[in-house]
Amino acid sequence: MQDEQREIRKIAYGLWMKDGQPEGRDREHWEAAKEIWAYRSHNHVLDDENTSSPSRQQAAETAAADGKASQQHRG
């Protein structure tokens, strides 16, 4: 569980940095990071078998970012 939290924290930090280090959006970055981590961990078998491509990972990250954008528009 600690490894999971550590990885999510790293992803969230990367998202925060990429977004320009905005204040007050930590929960948003954390939730997006959890989605990205879940996708990566769920598909680790595919990655190990070389059947997954980087574009699949990018698609998950894009989907998470799109989810963040729609949450921002809602309020």
PDB file of N, CA and C in Angstrom:
ATOM      1  N   MET A   1       0.822  -1.197   0.000  1.00  0.00           N
ATOM      2  CA  MET A   1       0.000   0.000   0.000  1.00  0.00           C
ATOM      3  C   MET A   1       0.865   1.259   0.000  1.00  0.00           C
ATOM      4  N   GLN A   2       1.987   1.213   0.725  1.00  0.00           N
ATOM      5  CA  GLN A   2       2.867   2.376   0.743  1.00  0.00           C
ATOM      6  C   GLN A   2       3.433   2.652  -0.637  1.00  0.00           C
ATOM      7  N   ASP A   3       3.784   1.584  -1.367  1.00  0.00           N
ATOM      8  CA  ASP A   3       4.318   1.766  -2.712  1.00  0.00           C
ATOM      9  C   ASP A   3       3.277   2.412  -3.625  1.00  0.00           C
ATOM     10  N   GLU A   4       2.020   1.977  -3.470  1.00  0.00           N
ATOM     11  CA  GLU A   4       0.931   2.550  -4.262  1.00  0.00           C
ATOM     12  C   GLU A   4       0.802   4.046  -3.980  1.00  0.00           C
ATOM     13  N   GLN A   5       0.777   4.409  -2.712  1.00  0.00           N
ATOM     14  CA  GLN A   5       0.652   5.818  -2.331  1.00  0.00           C
ATOM     15  C   GLN A   5       1.834   6.638  -2.851  1.00  0.00           C
ATOM     16  N   ARG A   6       3.019   6.056  -2.759  1.00  0.00           N
ATOM     17  CA  ARG A   6       4.223   6.753  -3.225  1.00  0.00           C
ATOM     18  C   ARG A   6       4.148   7.016  -4.732  1.00  0.00           C
ATOM     19  N   GLU A   7       3.711   6.005  -5.494  1.00  0.00           N
ATOM     20  CA  GLU A   7       3.601   6.167  -6.939  1.00  0.00           C
ATOM     21  C   GLU A   7       2.526   7.195  -7.306  1.00  0.00           C
ATOM     22  N   ILE A   8       1.402   7.145  -6.613  1.00  0.00           N
ATOM     23  CA  ILE A   8       0.333   8.116  -6.869  1.00  0.00           C
ATOM     24  C   ILE A   8       0.834   9.520  -6.558  1.00  0.00           C
ATOM     25  N   ARG A   9       1.570   9.649  -5.468  1.00  0.00           N
ATOM     26  CA  ARG A   9       2.118  10.954  -5.093  1.00  0.00           C
ATOM     27  C   ARG A   9       3.061  11.482  -6.182  1.00  0.00           C
ATOM     28  N   LYS A  10       3.897  10.602  -6.736  1.00  0.00           N
ATOM     29  CA  LYS A  10       4.815  11.009  -7.812  1.00  0.00           C
ATOM     30  C   LYS A  10       4.042  11.478  -9.045  1.00  0.00           C
ATOM     31  N   ILE A  11       3.014  10.732  -9.398  1.00  0.00           N
ATOM     32  CA  ILE A  11       2.204  11.096 -10.562  1.00  0.00           C
ATOM     33  C   ILE A  11       1.505  12.428 -10.313  1.00  0.00           C
ATOM     34  N   ALA A  12       0.914  12.583  -9.131  1.00  0.00           N
ATOM     35  CA  ALA A  12       0.210  13.825  -8.797  1.00  0.00           C
ATOM     36  C   ALA A  12       1.166  15.014  -8.840  1.00  0.00           C
ATOM     37  N   TYR A  13       2.371  14.816  -8.331  1.00  0.00           N
ATOM     38  CA  TYR A  13       3.366  15.882  -8.357  1.00  0.00           C
ATOM     39  C   TYR A  13       3.707  16.259  -9.796  1.00  0.00           C
ATOM     40  N   GLY A  14       3.877  15.266 -10.640  1.00  0.00           N
ATOM     41  CA  GLY A  14       4.163  15.532 -12.051  1.00  0.00           C
ATOM     42  C   GLY A  14       3.036  16.306 -12.724  1.00  0.00           C
ATOM     43  N   LEU A  15       1.802  15.927 -12.413  1.00  0.00           N
ATOM     44  CA  LEU A  15       0.652  16.641 -12.981  1.00  0.00           C
ATOM     45  C   LEU A  15       0.618  18.087 -12.490  1.00  0.00           C
ATOM     46  N   TRP A  16       0.896  18.263 -11.209  1.00  0.00           N
ATOM     47  CA  TRP A  16       0.920  19.604 -10.619  1.00  0.00           C
ATOM     48  C   TRP A  16       1.993  20.462 -11.278  1.00  0.00           C
ATOM     49  N   MET A  17       3.169  19.888 -11.463  1.00  0.00           N
ATOM     50  CA  MET A  17       4.259  20.619 -12.118  1.00  0.00           C
ATOM     51  C   MET A  17       3.872  20.976 -13.556  1.00  0.00           C
ATOM     52  N   LYS A  18       3.306  20.001 -14.260  1.00  0.00           N
ATOM     53  CA  LYS A  18       2.907  20.210 -15.660  1.00  0.00           C
ATOM     54  C   LYS A  18       1.859  21.314 -15.773  1.00  0.00           C
ATOM     55  N   ASP A  19       0.987  21.428 -14.770  1.00  0.00           N
ATOM     56  CA  ASP A  19      -0.068  22.451 -14.774  1.00  0.00           C
ATOM     57  C   ASP A  19       0.415  23.815 -14.292  1.00  0.00           C
ATOM     58  N   GLY A  20       1.709  23.923 -13.985  1.00  0.00           N
ATOM     59  CA  GLY A  20       2.246  25.219 -13.574  1.00  0.00           C
ATOM     60  C   GLY A  20       2.183  25.478 -12.082  1.00  0.00           C
ATOM     61  N   GLN A  21       2.088  24.427 -11.272  1.00  0.00           N
ATOM     62  CA  GLN A  21       2.085  24.503  -9.808  1.00  0.00           C
ATOM     63  C   GLN A  21       0.960  25.374  -9.234  1.00  0.00           C
ATOM     64  N   PRO A  22      -0.264  25.158  -9.697  1.00  0.00           N
ATOM     65  CA  PRO A  22      -1.380  25.974  -9.190  1.00  0.00           C
ATOM     66  C   PRO A  22      -1.711  25.628  -7.741  1.00  0.00           C
ATOM     67  N   GLU A  23      -2.142  26.616  -7.001  1.00  0.00           N
ATOM     68  CA  GLU A  23      -2.554  26.394  -5.614  1.00  0.00           C
ATOM     69  C   GLU A  23      -4.015  25.970  -5.567  1.00  0.00           C
ATOM     70  N   GLY A  24      -4.348  25.155  -4.572  1.00  0.00           N
ATOM     71  CA  GLY A  24      -5.739  24.802  -4.334  1.00  0.00           C
ATOM     72  C   GLY A  24      -6.304  23.731  -5.236  1.00  0.00           C
ATOM     73  N   ARG A  25      -5.475  23.045  -6.000  1.00  0.00           N
ATOM     74  CA  ARG A  25      -5.991  21.997  -6.885  1.00  0.00           C
ATOM     75  C   ARG A  25      -5.383  20.640  -6.554  1.00  0.00           C
ATOM     76  N   ASP A  26      -4.924  20.479  -5.319  1.00  0.00           N
ATOM     77  CA  ASP A  26      -4.258  19.243  -4.937  1.00  0.00           C
ATOM     78  C   ASP A  26      -5.181  18.031  -5.040  1.00  0.00           C
ATOM     79  N   ARG A  27      -6.419  18.198  -4.640  1.00  0.00           N
ATOM     80  CA  ARG A  27      -7.381  17.074  -4.714  1.00  0.00           C
ATOM     81  C   ARG A  27      -7.594  16.646  -6.169  1.00  0.00           C
ATOM     82  N   GLU A  28      -7.685  17.603  -7.050  1.00  0.00           N
ATOM     83  CA  GLU A  28      -7.874  17.331  -8.477  1.00  0.00           C
ATOM     84  C   GLU A  28      -6.685  16.535  -9.040  1.00  0.00           C
ATOM     85  N   HIS A  29      -5.480  16.965  -8.701  1.00  0.00           N
ATOM     86  CA  HIS A  29      -4.289  16.269  -9.183  1.00  0.00           C
ATOM     87  C   HIS A  29      -4.196  14.870  -8.572  1.00  0.00           C
ATOM     88  N   TRP A  30      -4.565  14.748  -7.304  1.00  0.00           N
ATOM     89  CA  TRP A  30      -4.525  13.454  -6.634  1.00  0.00           C
ATOM     90  C   TRP A  30      -5.498  12.469  -7.295  1.00  0.00           C
ATOM     91  N   GLU A  31      -6.710  12.916  -7.567  1.00  0.00           N
ATOM     92  CA  GLU A  31      -7.711  12.043  -8.193  1.00  0.00           C
ATOM     93  C   GLU A  31      -7.274  11.620  -9.598  1.00  0.00           C
ATOM     94  N   ALA A  32      -6.731  12.558 -10.366  1.00  0.00           N
ATOM     95  CA  ALA A  32      -6.239  12.230 -11.702  1.00  0.00           C
ATOM     96  C   ALA A  32      -5.079  11.244 -11.610  1.00  0.00           C
ATOM     97  N   ALA A  33      -4.209  11.433 -10.640  1.00  0.00           N
ATOM     98  CA  ALA A  33      -3.069  10.531 -10.449  1.00  0.00           C
ATOM     99  C   ALA A  33      -3.539   9.127 -10.081  1.00  0.00           C
ATOM    100  N   LYS A  34      -4.582   9.041  -9.260  1.00  0.00           N
ATOM    101  CA  LYS A  34      -5.123   7.727  -8.900  1.00  0.00           C
ATOM    102  C   LYS A  34      -5.664   7.006 -10.133  1.00  0.00           C
ATOM    103  N   GLU A  35      -6.318   7.742 -11.016  1.00  0.00           N
ATOM    104  CA  GLU A  35      -6.833   7.137 -12.248  1.00  0.00           C
ATOM    105  C   GLU A  35      -5.691   6.638 -13.124  1.00  0.00           C
ATOM    106  N   ILE A  36      -4.665   7.450 -13.263  1.00  0.00           N
ATOM    107  CA  ILE A  36      -3.510   7.057 -14.077  1.00  0.00           C
ATOM    108  C   ILE A  36      -2.832   5.840 -13.464  1.00  0.00           C
ATOM    109  N   TRP A  37      -2.621   5.849 -12.140  1.00  0.00           N
ATOM    110  CA  TRP A  37      -1.988   4.719 -11.469  1.00  0.00           C
ATOM    111  C   TRP A  37      -2.821   3.452 -11.649  1.00  0.00           C
ATOM    112  N   ALA A  38      -4.126   3.567 -11.494  1.00  0.00           N
ATOM    113  CA  ALA A  38      -5.000   2.403 -11.638  1.00  0.00           C
ATOM    114  C   ALA A  38      -4.897   1.829 -13.044  1.00  0.00           C
ATOM    115  N   TYR A  39      -4.876   2.695 -14.026  1.00  0.00           N
ATOM    116  CA  TYR A  39      -4.750   2.225 -15.408  1.00  0.00           C
ATOM    117  C   TYR A  39      -3.420   1.510 -15.603  1.00  0.00           C
ATOM    118  N   ARG A  40      -2.355   2.127 -15.136  1.00  0.00           N
ATOM    119  CA  ARG A  40      -1.019   1.535 -15.289  1.00  0.00           C
ATOM    120  C   ARG A  40      -0.921   0.205 -14.557  1.00  0.00           C
ATOM    121  N   SER A  41      -1.410   0.144 -13.338  1.00  0.00           N
ATOM    122  CA  SER A  41      -1.288  -1.088 -12.557  1.00  0.00           C
ATOM    123  C   SER A  41      -2.198  -2.182 -13.111  1.00  0.00           C
ATOM    124  N   HIS A  42      -3.334  -1.797 -13.622  1.00  0.00           N
ATOM    125  CA  HIS A  42      -4.261  -2.773 -14.207  1.00  0.00           C
ATOM    126  C   HIS A  42      -3.685  -3.381 -15.477  1.00  0.00           C
ATOM    127  N   ASN A  43      -2.935  -2.597 -16.217  1.00  0.00           N
ATOM    128  CA  ASN A  43      -2.407  -3.054 -17.504  1.00  0.00           C
ATOM    129  C   ASN A  43      -0.941  -3.469 -17.440  1.00  0.00           C
ATOM    130  N   HIS A  44      -0.391  -3.676 -16.239  1.00  0.00           N
ATOM    131  CA  HIS A  44       1.020  -4.032 -16.147  1.00  0.00           C
ATOM    132  C   HIS A  44       1.328  -5.357 -16.826  1.00  0.00           C
ATOM    133  N   VAL A  45       0.383  -6.294 -16.852  1.00  0.00           N
ATOM    134  CA  VAL A  45       0.616  -7.574 -17.517  1.00  0.00           C
ATOM    135  C   VAL A  45       0.788  -7.342 -19.007  1.00  0.00           C
ATOM    136  N   LEU A  46      -0.049  -6.489 -19.577  1.00  0.00           N
ATOM    137  CA  LEU A  46       0.088  -6.185 -20.993  1.00  0.00           C
ATOM    138  C   LEU A  46       1.429  -5.530 -21.281  1.00  0.00           C
ATOM    139  N   ASP A  47       1.853  -4.627 -20.412  1.00  0.00           N
ATOM    140  CA  ASP A  47       3.126  -3.962 -20.609  1.00  0.00           C
ATOM    141  C   ASP A  47       4.271  -4.961 -20.564  1.00  0.00           C
ATOM    142  N   ASP A  48       4.213  -5.917 -19.633  1.00  0.00           N
ATOM    143  CA  ASP A  48       5.262  -6.916 -19.510  1.00  0.00           C
ATOM    144  C   ASP A  48       5.339  -7.820 -20.735  1.00  0.00           C
ATOM    145  N   GLU A  49       4.219  -8.009 -21.394  1.00  0.00           N
ATOM    146  CA  GLU A  49       4.194  -8.875 -22.567  1.00  0.00           C
ATOM    147  C   GLU A  49       4.471  -8.110 -23.857  1.00  0.00           C
ATOM    148  N   ASN A  50       4.798  -6.837 -23.725  1.00  0.00           N
ATOM    149  CA  ASN A  50       5.094  -5.976 -24.875  1.00  0.00           C
ATOM    150  C   ASN A  50       3.933  -5.862 -25.848  1.00  0.00           C
ATOM    151  N   THR A  51       2.708  -6.001 -25.343  1.00  0.00           N
ATOM    152  CA  THR A  51       1.546  -5.834 -26.205  1.00  0.00           C
ATOM    153  C   THR A  51       0.924  -4.464 -26.030  1.00  0.00           C
ATOM    154  N   SER A  52       1.446  -3.707 -25.084  1.00  0.00           N
ATOM    155  CA  SER A  52       0.955  -2.364 -24.851  1.00  0.00           C
ATOM    156  C   SER A  52       1.960  -1.377 -25.408  1.00  0.00           C
ATOM    157  N   SER A  53       1.463  -0.291 -25.926  1.00  0.00           N
ATOM    158  CA  SER A  53       2.354   0.713 -26.490  1.00  0.00           C
ATOM    159  C   SER A  53       2.308   1.971 -25.641  1.00  0.00           C
ATOM    160  N   PRO A  54       3.314   2.830 -25.772  1.00  0.00           N
ATOM    161  CA  PRO A  54       3.281   4.094 -25.025  1.00  0.00           C
ATOM    162  C   PRO A  54       2.031   4.911 -25.326  1.00  0.00           C
ATOM    163  N   SER A  55       1.492   4.769 -26.523  1.00  0.00           N
ATOM    164  CA  SER A  55       0.305   5.547 -26.859  1.00  0.00           C
ATOM    165  C   SER A  55      -0.882   5.162 -25.981  1.00  0.00           C
ATOM    166  N   ARG A  56      -0.934   3.929 -25.520  1.00  0.00           N
ATOM    167  CA  ARG A  56      -2.001   3.502 -24.626  1.00  0.00           C
ATOM    168  C   ARG A  56      -1.898   4.228 -23.295  1.00  0.00           C
ATOM    169  N   GLN A  57      -0.679   4.351 -22.788  1.00  0.00           N
ATOM    170  CA  GLN A  57      -0.449   5.081 -21.542  1.00  0.00           C
ATOM    171  C   GLN A  57      -0.794   6.549 -21.736  1.00  0.00           C
ATOM    172  N   GLN A  58      -0.391   7.115 -22.854  1.00  0.00           N
ATOM    173  CA  GLN A  58      -0.708   8.510 -23.134  1.00  0.00           C
ATOM    174  C   GLN A  58      -2.210   8.706 -23.220  1.00  0.00           C
ATOM    175  N   ALA A  59      -2.899   7.734 -23.778  1.00  0.00           N
ATOM    176  CA  ALA A  59      -4.357   7.831 -23.877  1.00  0.00           C
ATOM    177  C   ALA A  59      -4.983   7.867 -22.492  1.00  0.00           C
ATOM    178  N   ALA A  60      -4.466   7.061 -21.557  1.00  0.00           N
ATOM    179  CA  ALA A  60      -4.992   7.066 -20.191  1.00  0.00           C
ATOM    180  C   ALA A  60      -4.733   8.404 -19.523  1.00  0.00           C
ATOM    181  N   GLU A  61      -3.535   8.933 -19.725  1.00  0.00           N
ATOM    182  CA  GLU A  61      -3.201  10.220 -19.116  1.00  0.00           C
ATOM    183  C   GLU A  61      -4.046  11.335 -19.722  1.00  0.00           C
ATOM    184  N   THR A  62      -4.292  11.248 -21.018  1.00  0.00           N
ATOM    185  CA  THR A  62      -5.139  12.236 -21.682  1.00  0.00           C
ATOM    186  C   THR A  62      -6.568  12.139 -21.163  1.00  0.00           C
ATOM    187  N   ALA A  63      -7.042  10.912 -20.971  1.00  0.00           N
ATOM    188  CA  ALA A  63      -8.398  10.719 -20.448  1.00  0.00           C
ATOM    189  C   ALA A  63      -8.508  11.302 -19.049  1.00  0.00           C
ATOM    190  N   ALA A  64      -7.481  11.098 -18.243  1.00  0.00           N
ATOM    191  CA  ALA A  64      -7.498  11.666 -16.891  1.00  0.00           C
ATOM    192  C   ALA A  64      -7.493  13.184 -16.954  1.00  0.00           C
ATOM    193  N   ALA A  65      -6.699  13.736 -17.855  1.00  0.00           N
ATOM    194  CA  ALA A  65      -6.647  15.190 -18.010  1.00  0.00           C
ATOM    195  C   ALA A  65      -7.985  15.728 -18.509  1.00  0.00           C
ATOM    196  N   ASP A  66      -8.615  15.004 -19.423  1.00  0.00           N
ATOM    197  CA  ASP A  66      -9.925  15.423 -19.911  1.00  0.00           C
ATOM    198  C   ASP A  66     -10.949  15.406 -18.786  1.00  0.00           C
ATOM    199  N   GLY A  67     -10.853  14.409 -17.920  1.00  0.00           N
ATOM    200  CA  GLY A  67     -11.750  14.339 -16.770  1.00  0.00           C
ATOM    201  C   GLY A  67     -11.561  15.520 -15.856  1.00  0.00           C
ATOM    202  N   LYS A  68     -10.311  15.921 -15.675  1.00  0.00           N
ATOM    203  CA  LYS A  68     -10.019  17.109 -14.852  1.00  0.00           C
ATOM    204  C   LYS A  68     -10.639  18.349 -15.483  1.00  0.00           C
ATOM    205  N   ALA A  69     -10.498  18.483 -16.785  1.00  0.00           N
ATOM    206  CA  ALA A  69     -11.010  19.669 -17.475  1.00  0.00           C
ATOM    207  C   ALA A  69     -12.533  19.746 -17.343  1.00  0.00           C
ATOM    208  N   SER A  70     -13.197  18.596 -17.475  1.00  0.00           N
ATOM    209  CA  SER A  70     -14.654  18.637 -17.366  1.00  0.00           C
ATOM    210  C   SER A  70     -15.093  18.950 -15.938  1.00  0.00           C
ATOM    211  N   GLN A  71     -14.317  18.504 -14.941  1.00  0.00           N
ATOM    212  CA  GLN A  71     -14.633  18.830 -13.551  1.00  0.00           C
ATOM    213  C   GLN A  71     -14.478  20.320 -13.315  1.00  0.00           C
ATOM    214  N   GLN A  72     -13.484  20.937 -13.926  1.00  0.00           N
ATOM    215  CA  GLN A  72     -13.256  22.362 -13.755  1.00  0.00           C
ATOM    216  C   GLN A  72     -14.418  23.170 -14.315  1.00  0.00           C
ATOM    217  N   HIS A  73     -14.930  22.727 -15.437  1.00  0.00           N
ATOM    218  CA  HIS A  73     -16.033  23.442 -16.069  1.00  0.00           C
ATOM    219  C   HIS A  73     -17.331  23.324 -15.269  1.00  0.00           C
ATOM    220  N   ARG A  74     -17.473  22.221 -14.537  1.00  0.00           N
ATOM    221  CA  ARG A  74     -18.677  22.017 -13.744  1.00  0.00           C
ATOM    222  C   ARG A  74     -18.710  22.873 -12.500  1.00  0.00           C
ATOM    223  N   GLY A  75     -17.552  23.265 -12.047  1.00  0.00           N
ATOM    224  CA  GLY A  75     -17.713  24.106 -10.914  1.00  0.00           C
ATOM    225  C   GLY A  75     -16.687  24.119  -9.917  1.00  0.00           C
TER     226      GLY A  75
END
